[in-house]
Amino acid sequence: MKFFICFTILVSLFFLNSCGTPADNAKSKAMSGSVDQIIARSGTTFRDKDRALKDAKNRLNTGGGLLGKKTQSVNSLFGGSSEDNVASIGLPINAILWKSSLEVIDFMPLSQADPFAGVIITDWYTSETNIQERCKVNIFIRGKELKSNNVNVNIFCQNLMNNQWVDVATKDEDDIKIENAILNKAKKIKLTVN
């Protein structure tokens, strides 16, 4: 038991000691060295200077992440500057399709939105003109290309009958209409980004 307590204290002290203060973080950001210094500080093992610099920047940006994955900013996920406009964590999805999907259904309340898996699920929505019907939409975005087969929409509707919501069969054409609206919005976004 004493060993476990001592071990826990040592591990805690190690982590506390490795955390930098805000002053340390500001100092390290203020220090801008030459390319050789950046590579040396990162601990990269590449001999080719271009590959070493790229790896060094990645390590410094991610804090030397466990898997060394390239970081992705929130801005680049939603159409900002990015190499391919693709999220690098999780499934590769197209950020423009993601953004256009959210804009097309922005009038509906969201139940779930996962940009890393490419899943958008709305909550039930009832229009003011027909309070006896409610619908929800599931959108799945697959692939990093801006293509029509990378968007899949499923609509579910219910009608109120005898104070109970009853499922109603929906038409495939309705799904396709929303998919087309998403693709049209994506084309407009793509034109404004480029």
N, C-alpha and C. Protein backbone atom coordinates (compact mmCIF):
# COMPACT_ATOMS: atom_id res chain seq x y z
N MET A 1 0.82 -1.20 0.00
CA MET A 1 0.00 0.00 0.00
C MET A 1 0.86 1.26 0.00
N LYS A 2 1.94 1.24 0.80
CA LYS A 2 2.83 2.41 0.84
C LYS A 2 3.50 2.61 -0.52
N PHE A 3 3.82 1.52 -1.17
CA PHE A 3 4.42 1.61 -2.50
C PHE A 3 3.47 2.29 -3.47
N PHE A 4 2.21 1.91 -3.42
CA PHE A 4 1.21 2.49 -4.31
C PHE A 4 1.05 3.99 -4.07
N ILE A 5 1.03 4.40 -2.81
CA ILE A 5 0.91 5.82 -2.47
C ILE A 5 2.13 6.60 -2.95
N CYS A 6 3.33 6.05 -2.68
CA CYS A 6 4.55 6.71 -3.14
C CYS A 6 4.59 6.81 -4.66
N PHE A 7 4.21 5.73 -5.32
CA PHE A 7 4.18 5.72 -6.79
C PHE A 7 3.22 6.77 -7.33
N THR A 8 2.04 6.87 -6.72
CA THR A 8 1.04 7.86 -7.15
C THR A 8 1.56 9.28 -6.95
N ILE A 9 2.21 9.53 -5.83
CA ILE A 9 2.76 10.85 -5.56
C ILE A 9 3.86 11.19 -6.56
N LEU A 10 4.75 10.24 -6.85
CA LEU A 10 5.81 10.49 -7.81
C LEU A 10 5.27 10.77 -9.21
N VAL A 11 4.28 10.00 -9.63
CA VAL A 11 3.68 10.23 -10.95
C VAL A 11 3.01 11.60 -10.99
N SER A 12 2.30 11.96 -9.93
CA SER A 12 1.64 13.27 -9.88
C SER A 12 2.66 14.40 -9.94
N LEU A 13 3.76 14.27 -9.20
CA LEU A 13 4.80 15.29 -9.23
C LEU A 13 5.42 15.40 -10.61
N PHE A 14 5.61 14.26 -11.26
CA PHE A 14 6.16 14.27 -12.62
C PHE A 14 5.27 15.07 -13.56
N PHE A 15 3.96 14.81 -13.51
CA PHE A 15 3.04 15.52 -14.40
C PHE A 15 2.95 17.00 -14.04
N LEU A 16 2.96 17.32 -12.76
CA LEU A 16 2.91 18.72 -12.36
C LEU A 16 4.17 19.46 -12.80
N ASN A 17 5.30 18.79 -12.69
CA ASN A 17 6.57 19.40 -13.07
C ASN A 17 6.66 19.59 -14.58
N SER A 18 6.04 18.70 -15.35
CA SER A 18 6.13 18.80 -16.81
C SER A 18 5.19 19.85 -17.38
N CYS A 19 4.20 20.28 -16.60
CA CYS A 19 3.28 21.33 -17.07
C CYS A 19 3.97 22.68 -16.97
N GLY A 20 3.91 23.43 -18.04
CA GLY A 20 4.52 24.75 -18.04
C GLY A 20 3.55 25.79 -17.52
N THR A 21 4.11 26.87 -17.00
CA THR A 21 3.28 27.99 -16.57
C THR A 21 2.94 28.83 -17.78
N PRO A 22 1.94 29.72 -17.68
CA PRO A 22 1.65 30.61 -18.82
C PRO A 22 2.87 31.43 -19.23
N ALA A 23 3.70 31.81 -18.27
CA ALA A 23 4.90 32.57 -18.61
C ALA A 23 5.86 31.72 -19.44
N ASP A 24 6.00 30.42 -19.06
CA ASP A 24 6.85 29.52 -19.83
C ASP A 24 6.32 29.35 -21.25
N ASN A 25 4.99 29.19 -21.37
CA ASN A 25 4.39 29.02 -22.70
C ASN A 25 4.58 30.26 -23.55
N ALA A 26 4.41 31.45 -22.96
CA ALA A 26 4.59 32.69 -23.72
C ALA A 26 6.05 32.83 -24.13
N LYS A 27 6.96 32.44 -23.24
CA LYS A 27 8.38 32.55 -23.53
C LYS A 27 8.76 31.62 -24.68
N SER A 28 8.21 30.39 -24.68
CA SER A 28 8.55 29.45 -25.74
C SER A 28 7.97 29.90 -27.08
N LYS A 29 6.79 30.55 -27.06
CA LYS A 29 6.21 31.06 -28.30
C LYS A 29 7.01 32.25 -28.81
N ALA A 30 7.53 33.05 -27.87
CA ALA A 30 8.28 34.23 -28.26
C ALA A 30 9.63 33.85 -28.87
N MET A 31 10.15 32.71 -28.45
CA MET A 31 11.44 32.28 -28.97
C MET A 31 11.24 31.70 -30.37
N SER A 32 11.70 32.40 -31.34
CA SER A 32 11.62 31.88 -32.70
C SER A 32 13.04 31.67 -33.19
N GLY A 33 13.36 30.42 -33.40
CA GLY A 33 14.72 30.11 -33.80
C GLY A 33 14.80 29.78 -35.26
N SER A 34 16.00 29.45 -35.65
CA SER A 34 16.20 29.05 -37.03
C SER A 34 15.59 27.67 -37.24
N VAL A 35 15.59 27.24 -38.46
CA VAL A 35 15.02 25.93 -38.81
C VAL A 35 15.75 24.83 -38.06
N ASP A 36 17.07 24.94 -37.95
CA ASP A 36 17.85 23.91 -37.25
C ASP A 36 17.47 23.83 -35.78
N GLN A 37 17.22 24.98 -35.16
CA GLN A 37 16.83 24.98 -33.75
C GLN A 37 15.45 24.36 -33.57
N ILE A 38 14.52 24.66 -34.51
CA ILE A 38 13.18 24.08 -34.43
C ILE A 38 13.27 22.57 -34.54
N ILE A 39 14.06 22.10 -35.48
CA ILE A 39 14.21 20.65 -35.67
C ILE A 39 14.86 20.03 -34.44
N ALA A 40 15.86 20.67 -33.89
CA ALA A 40 16.55 20.13 -32.71
C ALA A 40 15.63 20.07 -31.50
N ARG A 41 14.82 21.11 -31.30
CA ARG A 41 13.92 21.12 -30.14
C ARG A 41 12.82 20.08 -30.24
N SER A 42 12.44 19.70 -31.46
CA SER A 42 11.30 18.80 -31.62
C SER A 42 11.64 17.34 -31.33
N GLY A 43 12.88 16.97 -31.52
CA GLY A 43 13.25 15.57 -31.29
C GLY A 43 12.98 14.68 -32.49
N THR A 44 12.76 15.24 -33.66
CA THR A 44 12.52 14.43 -34.86
C THR A 44 13.76 13.67 -35.25
N THR A 45 13.59 12.55 -35.93
CA THR A 45 14.72 11.71 -36.31
C THR A 45 14.95 11.67 -37.81
N PHE A 46 14.21 12.44 -38.59
CA PHE A 46 14.40 12.46 -40.03
C PHE A 46 15.70 13.17 -40.38
N ARG A 47 16.41 12.64 -41.39
CA ARG A 47 17.65 13.27 -41.83
C ARG A 47 17.40 14.29 -42.93
N ASP A 48 16.41 14.05 -43.79
CA ASP A 48 16.04 15.00 -44.83
C ASP A 48 15.48 16.25 -44.16
N LYS A 49 16.06 17.42 -44.48
CA LYS A 49 15.71 18.64 -43.77
C LYS A 49 14.24 19.03 -43.96
N ASP A 50 13.68 18.86 -45.18
CA ASP A 50 12.27 19.22 -45.41
C ASP A 50 11.34 18.32 -44.61
N ARG A 51 11.60 17.02 -44.63
CA ARG A 51 10.76 16.09 -43.86
C ARG A 51 10.92 16.33 -42.37
N ALA A 52 12.16 16.62 -41.95
CA ALA A 52 12.40 16.88 -40.53
C ALA A 52 11.68 18.13 -40.06
N LEU A 53 11.66 19.18 -40.90
CA LEU A 53 10.98 20.41 -40.53
C LEU A 53 9.47 20.19 -40.44
N LYS A 54 8.92 19.45 -41.41
CA LYS A 54 7.49 19.16 -41.39
C LYS A 54 7.13 18.35 -40.15
N ASP A 55 7.93 17.33 -39.82
CA ASP A 55 7.69 16.53 -38.63
C ASP A 55 7.86 17.36 -37.36
N ALA A 56 8.85 18.24 -37.36
CA ALA A 56 9.09 19.09 -36.19
C ALA A 56 7.92 20.02 -35.93
N LYS A 57 7.40 20.64 -36.99
CA LYS A 57 6.24 21.52 -36.82
C LYS A 57 5.04 20.75 -36.32
N ASN A 58 4.85 19.56 -36.85
CA ASN A 58 3.74 18.72 -36.41
C ASN A 58 3.89 18.35 -34.94
N ARG A 59 5.10 17.97 -34.54
CA ARG A 59 5.33 17.61 -33.14
C ARG A 59 5.13 18.81 -32.21
N LEU A 60 5.62 19.97 -32.63
CA LEU A 60 5.48 21.15 -31.79
C LEU A 60 4.03 21.61 -31.71
N ASN A 61 3.28 21.50 -32.80
CA ASN A 61 1.87 21.90 -32.80
C ASN A 61 1.01 20.97 -31.97
N THR A 62 1.33 19.67 -31.99
CA THR A 62 0.50 18.70 -31.27
C THR A 62 1.03 18.41 -29.89
N GLY A 63 2.14 19.02 -29.53
CA GLY A 63 2.72 18.70 -28.24
C GLY A 63 3.36 17.33 -28.26
N GLY A 64 3.77 16.88 -29.44
CA GLY A 64 4.38 15.56 -29.56
C GLY A 64 3.37 14.47 -29.35
N GLY A 65 2.18 14.64 -29.89
CA GLY A 65 1.05 13.74 -29.69
C GLY A 65 1.42 12.28 -29.73
N LEU A 66 0.61 11.48 -29.08
CA LEU A 66 0.87 10.05 -28.94
C LEU A 66 1.09 9.40 -30.29
N LEU A 67 0.24 9.71 -31.25
CA LEU A 67 0.36 9.11 -32.58
C LEU A 67 0.96 10.08 -33.58
N GLY A 68 1.25 11.30 -33.17
CA GLY A 68 1.85 12.28 -34.05
C GLY A 68 0.96 12.70 -35.19
N LYS A 69 -0.35 12.69 -34.99
CA LYS A 69 -1.27 13.08 -36.06
C LYS A 69 -1.21 14.57 -36.26
N LYS A 70 -1.41 14.97 -37.51
CA LYS A 70 -1.41 16.38 -37.85
C LYS A 70 -2.64 17.05 -37.23
N THR A 71 -2.44 18.22 -36.67
CA THR A 71 -3.56 18.92 -36.06
C THR A 71 -4.46 19.52 -37.12
N GLN A 72 -5.70 19.74 -36.74
CA GLN A 72 -6.68 20.33 -37.65
C GLN A 72 -7.43 21.39 -36.87
N SER A 73 -7.42 22.61 -37.37
CA SER A 73 -8.09 23.68 -36.67
C SER A 73 -9.59 23.61 -36.94
N VAL A 74 -10.35 24.20 -36.03
CA VAL A 74 -11.80 24.25 -36.20
C VAL A 74 -12.15 25.02 -37.47
N ASN A 75 -11.40 26.09 -37.75
CA ASN A 75 -11.66 26.89 -38.94
C ASN A 75 -11.54 26.05 -40.21
N SER A 76 -10.53 25.19 -40.27
CA SER A 76 -10.36 24.39 -41.48
C SER A 76 -11.43 23.32 -41.60
N LEU A 77 -12.03 22.90 -40.48
CA LEU A 77 -13.13 21.93 -40.56
C LEU A 77 -14.36 22.52 -41.21
N PHE A 78 -14.54 23.83 -41.08
CA PHE A 78 -15.74 24.46 -41.60
C PHE A 78 -15.45 25.38 -42.78
N GLY A 79 -14.53 24.97 -43.64
CA GLY A 79 -14.32 25.67 -44.89
C GLY A 79 -13.20 26.68 -44.88
N GLY A 80 -12.46 26.81 -43.79
CA GLY A 80 -11.34 27.73 -43.76
C GLY A 80 -10.18 27.16 -44.55
N SER A 81 -9.01 27.76 -44.42
CA SER A 81 -7.88 27.29 -45.19
C SER A 81 -7.42 25.95 -44.66
N SER A 82 -7.26 25.03 -45.56
CA SER A 82 -6.81 23.68 -45.25
C SER A 82 -6.28 23.09 -46.54
N GLU A 83 -5.42 22.09 -46.43
CA GLU A 83 -4.87 21.51 -47.64
C GLU A 83 -5.95 20.86 -48.49
N ASP A 84 -6.78 20.02 -47.89
CA ASP A 84 -7.82 19.33 -48.65
C ASP A 84 -9.21 19.59 -48.10
N ASN A 85 -9.36 20.50 -47.13
CA ASN A 85 -10.63 20.71 -46.46
C ASN A 85 -11.18 19.40 -45.92
N VAL A 86 -10.33 18.65 -45.25
CA VAL A 86 -10.70 17.34 -44.72
C VAL A 86 -10.30 17.28 -43.26
N ALA A 87 -11.18 16.74 -42.44
CA ALA A 87 -10.83 16.53 -41.04
C ALA A 87 -9.85 15.38 -40.97
N SER A 88 -8.80 15.50 -40.14
CA SER A 88 -7.78 14.46 -40.12
C SER A 88 -8.00 13.44 -39.01
N ILE A 89 -8.95 13.67 -38.13
CA ILE A 89 -9.21 12.74 -37.05
C ILE A 89 -10.51 12.03 -37.36
N GLY A 90 -10.57 10.74 -37.13
CA GLY A 90 -11.80 10.00 -37.43
C GLY A 90 -11.89 9.69 -38.91
N LEU A 91 -13.10 9.60 -39.41
CA LEU A 91 -13.31 9.31 -40.81
C LEU A 91 -13.02 10.55 -41.65
N PRO A 92 -12.44 10.39 -42.84
CA PRO A 92 -12.18 11.57 -43.67
C PRO A 92 -13.46 12.07 -44.30
N ILE A 93 -13.89 13.27 -43.91
CA ILE A 93 -15.11 13.85 -44.48
C ILE A 93 -14.77 15.20 -45.09
N ASN A 94 -15.58 15.61 -46.05
CA ASN A 94 -15.41 16.88 -46.72
C ASN A 94 -16.02 17.98 -45.87
N ALA A 95 -15.21 18.96 -45.52
CA ALA A 95 -15.67 20.05 -44.65
C ALA A 95 -16.72 20.92 -45.32
N ILE A 96 -16.65 21.06 -46.64
CA ILE A 96 -17.63 21.88 -47.34
C ILE A 96 -19.00 21.20 -47.31
N LEU A 97 -19.03 19.88 -47.51
CA LEU A 97 -20.30 19.15 -47.42
C LEU A 97 -20.86 19.25 -46.01
N TRP A 98 -19.99 19.20 -45.02
CA TRP A 98 -20.43 19.30 -43.62
C TRP A 98 -21.08 20.66 -43.38
N LYS A 99 -20.38 21.72 -43.80
CA LYS A 99 -20.90 23.07 -43.57
C LYS A 99 -22.21 23.30 -44.32
N SER A 100 -22.27 22.86 -45.57
CA SER A 100 -23.49 23.06 -46.34
C SER A 100 -24.66 22.28 -45.76
N SER A 101 -24.39 21.10 -45.22
CA SER A 101 -25.46 20.32 -44.58
C SER A 101 -26.03 21.06 -43.39
N LEU A 102 -25.17 21.62 -42.57
CA LEU A 102 -25.63 22.38 -41.41
C LEU A 102 -26.43 23.62 -41.83
N GLU A 103 -26.00 24.27 -42.90
CA GLU A 103 -26.71 25.46 -43.35
C GLU A 103 -28.07 25.13 -43.95
N VAL A 104 -28.19 24.00 -44.62
CA VAL A 104 -29.47 23.63 -45.23
C VAL A 104 -30.51 23.32 -44.16
N ILE A 105 -30.10 22.68 -43.08
CA ILE A 105 -31.07 22.30 -42.03
C ILE A 105 -30.99 23.19 -40.81
N ASP A 106 -30.50 24.42 -40.96
CA ASP A 106 -30.30 25.29 -39.81
C ASP A 106 -31.60 25.69 -39.10
N PHE A 107 -32.75 25.50 -39.74
CA PHE A 107 -34.03 25.81 -39.11
C PHE A 107 -34.50 24.69 -38.18
N MET A 108 -33.87 23.54 -38.25
CA MET A 108 -34.27 22.39 -37.41
C MET A 108 -33.35 22.30 -36.19
N PRO A 109 -33.91 21.88 -35.05
CA PRO A 109 -33.04 21.71 -33.87
C PRO A 109 -32.15 20.47 -34.04
N LEU A 110 -30.89 20.60 -33.63
CA LEU A 110 -29.95 19.49 -33.76
C LEU A 110 -30.00 18.60 -32.52
N SER A 111 -29.98 17.31 -32.75
CA SER A 111 -29.89 16.35 -31.67
C SER A 111 -28.45 15.90 -31.50
N GLN A 112 -27.76 15.69 -32.64
CA GLN A 112 -26.37 15.25 -32.61
C GLN A 112 -25.68 15.77 -33.86
N ALA A 113 -24.44 16.24 -33.69
CA ALA A 113 -23.62 16.66 -34.82
C ALA A 113 -22.18 16.26 -34.53
N ASP A 114 -21.68 15.28 -35.26
CA ASP A 114 -20.33 14.77 -35.05
C ASP A 114 -19.51 14.97 -36.31
N PRO A 115 -18.67 16.04 -36.36
CA PRO A 115 -17.92 16.31 -37.58
C PRO A 115 -16.84 15.28 -37.88
N PHE A 116 -16.41 14.54 -36.88
CA PHE A 116 -15.36 13.55 -37.10
C PHE A 116 -15.90 12.27 -37.71
N ALA A 117 -17.14 11.94 -37.43
CA ALA A 117 -17.78 10.77 -38.03
C ALA A 117 -18.65 11.15 -39.22
N GLY A 118 -18.93 12.43 -39.39
CA GLY A 118 -19.75 12.88 -40.51
C GLY A 118 -21.23 12.59 -40.32
N VAL A 119 -21.71 12.70 -39.08
CA VAL A 119 -23.11 12.38 -38.78
C VAL A 119 -23.81 13.62 -38.22
N ILE A 120 -24.96 13.95 -38.81
CA ILE A 120 -25.82 15.02 -38.31
C ILE A 120 -27.21 14.43 -38.12
N ILE A 121 -27.74 14.54 -36.91
CA ILE A 121 -29.08 14.04 -36.61
C ILE A 121 -29.87 15.18 -35.98
N THR A 122 -31.00 15.49 -36.59
CA THR A 122 -31.83 16.56 -36.04
C THR A 122 -32.82 15.98 -35.04
N ASP A 123 -33.38 16.87 -34.25
CA ASP A 123 -34.47 16.49 -33.36
C ASP A 123 -35.77 16.62 -34.16
N TRP A 124 -36.87 16.21 -33.59
CA TRP A 124 -38.15 16.31 -34.27
C TRP A 124 -38.49 17.77 -34.53
N TYR A 125 -38.98 18.06 -35.73
CA TYR A 125 -39.34 19.41 -36.13
C TYR A 125 -40.78 19.44 -36.60
N THR A 126 -41.55 20.38 -36.09
CA THR A 126 -42.94 20.58 -36.50
C THR A 126 -43.07 21.98 -37.07
N SER A 127 -43.62 22.09 -38.27
CA SER A 127 -43.79 23.42 -38.87
C SER A 127 -45.03 24.08 -38.28
N GLU A 128 -45.07 25.38 -38.39
CA GLU A 128 -46.21 26.13 -37.86
C GLU A 128 -47.47 25.88 -38.67
N THR A 129 -47.32 25.51 -39.94
CA THR A 129 -48.48 25.31 -40.80
C THR A 129 -49.13 23.94 -40.62
N ASN A 130 -48.38 22.95 -40.12
CA ASN A 130 -48.93 21.61 -39.95
C ASN A 130 -48.43 21.04 -38.62
N ILE A 131 -49.15 21.31 -37.55
CA ILE A 131 -48.71 20.86 -36.23
C ILE A 131 -49.06 19.40 -35.97
N GLN A 132 -49.74 18.77 -36.90
CA GLN A 132 -50.09 17.35 -36.76
C GLN A 132 -49.01 16.43 -37.32
N GLU A 133 -47.94 17.01 -37.89
CA GLU A 133 -46.86 16.21 -38.47
C GLU A 133 -45.53 16.72 -37.95
N ARG A 134 -44.63 15.79 -37.69
CA ARG A 134 -43.27 16.16 -37.30
C ARG A 134 -42.28 15.28 -38.06
N CYS A 135 -41.10 15.84 -38.33
CA CYS A 135 -40.09 15.12 -39.10
C CYS A 135 -38.72 15.32 -38.46
N LYS A 136 -37.84 14.40 -38.74
CA LYS A 136 -36.45 14.52 -38.35
C LYS A 136 -35.59 14.05 -39.50
N VAL A 137 -34.35 14.53 -39.55
CA VAL A 137 -33.45 14.25 -40.66
C VAL A 137 -32.14 13.70 -40.12
N ASN A 138 -31.65 12.64 -40.78
CA ASN A 138 -30.32 12.10 -40.51
C ASN A 138 -29.47 12.32 -41.76
N ILE A 139 -28.31 12.92 -41.59
CA ILE A 139 -27.40 13.17 -42.70
C ILE A 139 -26.08 12.48 -42.40
N PHE A 140 -25.59 11.73 -43.39
CA PHE A 140 -24.31 11.03 -43.27
C PHE A 140 -23.40 11.51 -44.39
N ILE A 141 -22.22 11.98 -44.01
CA ILE A 141 -21.24 12.46 -44.98
C ILE A 141 -20.08 11.49 -44.96
N ARG A 142 -19.76 10.97 -46.15
CA ARG A 142 -18.66 10.02 -46.28
C ARG A 142 -17.71 10.51 -47.35
N GLY A 143 -16.44 10.31 -47.14
CA GLY A 143 -15.44 10.63 -48.15
C GLY A 143 -15.01 12.07 -48.12
N LYS A 144 -13.79 12.31 -48.63
CA LYS A 144 -13.24 13.65 -48.61
C LYS A 144 -13.52 14.44 -49.88
N GLU A 145 -14.03 13.78 -50.92
CA GLU A 145 -14.32 14.48 -52.16
C GLU A 145 -15.69 15.13 -52.10
N LEU A 146 -15.82 16.20 -52.85
CA LEU A 146 -17.10 16.90 -52.97
C LEU A 146 -17.88 16.22 -54.10
N LYS A 147 -18.51 15.08 -53.76
CA LYS A 147 -19.25 14.29 -54.75
C LYS A 147 -20.64 13.98 -54.20
N SER A 148 -21.57 13.76 -55.12
CA SER A 148 -22.95 13.52 -54.71
C SER A 148 -23.12 12.23 -53.92
N ASN A 149 -22.32 11.22 -54.20
CA ASN A 149 -22.50 9.96 -53.46
C ASN A 149 -21.85 9.98 -52.08
N ASN A 150 -21.27 11.10 -51.68
CA ASN A 150 -20.71 11.23 -50.33
C ASN A 150 -21.68 11.84 -49.34
N VAL A 151 -22.91 12.12 -49.79
CA VAL A 151 -23.96 12.64 -48.90
C VAL A 151 -25.14 11.69 -48.96
N ASN A 152 -25.61 11.27 -47.79
CA ASN A 152 -26.78 10.40 -47.71
C ASN A 152 -27.75 11.00 -46.69
N VAL A 153 -29.00 11.22 -47.10
CA VAL A 153 -30.01 11.84 -46.24
C VAL A 153 -31.15 10.86 -46.04
N ASN A 154 -31.61 10.74 -44.80
CA ASN A 154 -32.79 9.94 -44.46
C ASN A 154 -33.75 10.80 -43.66
N ILE A 155 -34.99 10.88 -44.14
CA ILE A 155 -36.02 11.66 -43.46
C ILE A 155 -37.00 10.69 -42.81
N PHE A 156 -37.40 11.02 -41.58
CA PHE A 156 -38.40 10.23 -40.86
C PHE A 156 -39.52 11.17 -40.43
N CYS A 157 -40.75 10.80 -40.71
CA CYS A 157 -41.89 11.64 -40.34
C CYS A 157 -42.92 10.84 -39.55
N GLN A 158 -43.68 11.56 -38.73
CA GLN A 158 -44.76 10.97 -37.95
C GLN A 158 -45.96 11.91 -37.98
N ASN A 159 -47.15 11.32 -37.91
CA ASN A 159 -48.40 12.07 -37.81
C ASN A 159 -49.03 11.82 -36.45
N LEU A 160 -49.70 12.83 -35.94
CA LEU A 160 -50.38 12.72 -34.66
C LEU A 160 -51.78 12.16 -34.89
N MET A 161 -52.02 10.95 -34.37
CA MET A 161 -53.33 10.30 -34.51
C MET A 161 -53.74 9.77 -33.13
N ASN A 162 -54.90 10.21 -32.67
CA ASN A 162 -55.42 9.80 -31.36
C ASN A 162 -54.40 10.04 -30.24
N ASN A 163 -53.79 11.22 -30.27
CA ASN A 163 -52.81 11.64 -29.27
C ASN A 163 -51.57 10.75 -29.22
N GLN A 164 -51.26 10.08 -30.33
CA GLN A 164 -50.04 9.27 -30.42
C GLN A 164 -49.35 9.56 -31.75
N TRP A 165 -48.04 9.60 -31.72
CA TRP A 165 -47.28 9.81 -32.94
C TRP A 165 -47.12 8.47 -33.65
N VAL A 166 -47.51 8.46 -34.93
CA VAL A 166 -47.48 7.24 -35.74
C VAL A 166 -46.54 7.48 -36.92
N ASP A 167 -45.63 6.52 -37.16
CA ASP A 167 -44.69 6.64 -38.28
C ASP A 167 -45.42 6.68 -39.61
N VAL A 168 -44.90 7.50 -40.52
CA VAL A 168 -45.47 7.65 -41.85
C VAL A 168 -44.37 7.29 -42.86
N ALA A 169 -44.75 6.58 -43.91
CA ALA A 169 -43.78 6.25 -44.96
C ALA A 169 -43.37 7.53 -45.68
N THR A 170 -42.07 7.69 -45.86
CA THR A 170 -41.57 8.86 -46.57
C THR A 170 -41.13 8.46 -47.98
N LYS A 171 -41.05 9.44 -48.83
CA LYS A 171 -40.67 9.19 -50.22
C LYS A 171 -39.16 9.39 -50.40
N ASP A 172 -38.58 8.58 -51.25
CA ASP A 172 -37.16 8.74 -51.56
C ASP A 172 -36.88 10.08 -52.22
N GLU A 173 -37.87 10.62 -52.93
CA GLU A 173 -37.68 11.91 -53.59
C GLU A 173 -37.41 13.02 -52.58
N ASP A 174 -38.01 12.92 -51.39
CA ASP A 174 -37.77 13.93 -50.36
C ASP A 174 -36.32 13.89 -49.88
N ASP A 175 -35.80 12.68 -49.71
CA ASP A 175 -34.39 12.53 -49.33
C ASP A 175 -33.49 13.15 -50.40
N ILE A 176 -33.81 12.87 -51.65
CA ILE A 176 -33.00 13.37 -52.76
C ILE A 176 -33.08 14.89 -52.86
N LYS A 177 -34.24 15.48 -52.55
CA LYS A 177 -34.37 16.94 -52.58
C LYS A 177 -33.42 17.60 -51.58
N ILE A 178 -33.34 17.04 -50.39
CA ILE A 178 -32.44 17.61 -49.39
C ILE A 178 -30.98 17.38 -49.78
N GLU A 179 -30.67 16.20 -50.32
CA GLU A 179 -29.31 15.94 -50.80
C GLU A 179 -28.92 16.95 -51.87
N ASN A 180 -29.83 17.23 -52.81
CA ASN A 180 -29.55 18.21 -53.86
C ASN A 180 -29.37 19.61 -53.29
N ALA A 181 -30.18 19.96 -52.29
CA ALA A 181 -30.03 21.27 -51.65
C ALA A 181 -28.65 21.38 -50.98
N ILE A 182 -28.21 20.31 -50.34
CA ILE A 182 -26.89 20.31 -49.70
C ILE A 182 -25.80 20.45 -50.75
N LEU A 183 -25.90 19.72 -51.86
CA LEU A 183 -24.89 19.79 -52.91
C LEU A 183 -24.87 21.17 -53.57
N ASN A 184 -26.03 21.77 -53.80
CA ASN A 184 -26.07 23.11 -54.38
C ASN A 184 -25.44 24.13 -53.45
N LYS A 185 -25.74 24.03 -52.15
CA LYS A 185 -25.13 24.94 -51.17
C LYS A 185 -23.61 24.72 -51.12
N ALA A 186 -23.18 23.47 -51.22
CA ALA A 186 -21.75 23.15 -51.19
C ALA A 186 -21.04 23.77 -52.40
N LYS A 187 -21.68 23.74 -53.57
CA LYS A 187 -21.08 24.37 -54.75
C LYS A 187 -20.90 25.86 -54.54
N LYS A 188 -21.91 26.50 -53.93
CA LYS A 188 -21.81 27.94 -53.68
C LYS A 188 -20.69 28.24 -52.67
N ILE A 189 -20.59 27.43 -51.64
CA ILE A 189 -19.53 27.62 -50.65
C ILE A 189 -18.17 27.43 -51.29
N LYS A 190 -18.05 26.40 -52.10
CA LYS A 190 -16.77 26.11 -52.78
C LYS A 190 -16.36 27.29 -53.66
N LEU A 191 -17.31 27.90 -54.35
CA LEU A 191 -16.98 29.05 -55.21
C LEU A 191 -16.53 30.26 -54.39
N THR A 192 -17.10 30.45 -53.20
CA THR A 192 -16.70 31.60 -52.37
C THR A 192 -15.36 31.34 -51.68
N VAL A 193 -15.03 30.08 -51.40
CA VAL A 193 -13.77 29.75 -50.73
C VAL A 193 -12.61 29.94 -51.70
N ASN A 194 -12.80 29.50 -52.93
CA ASN A 194 -11.72 29.60 -53.92
C ASN A 194 -11.71 30.93 -54.52
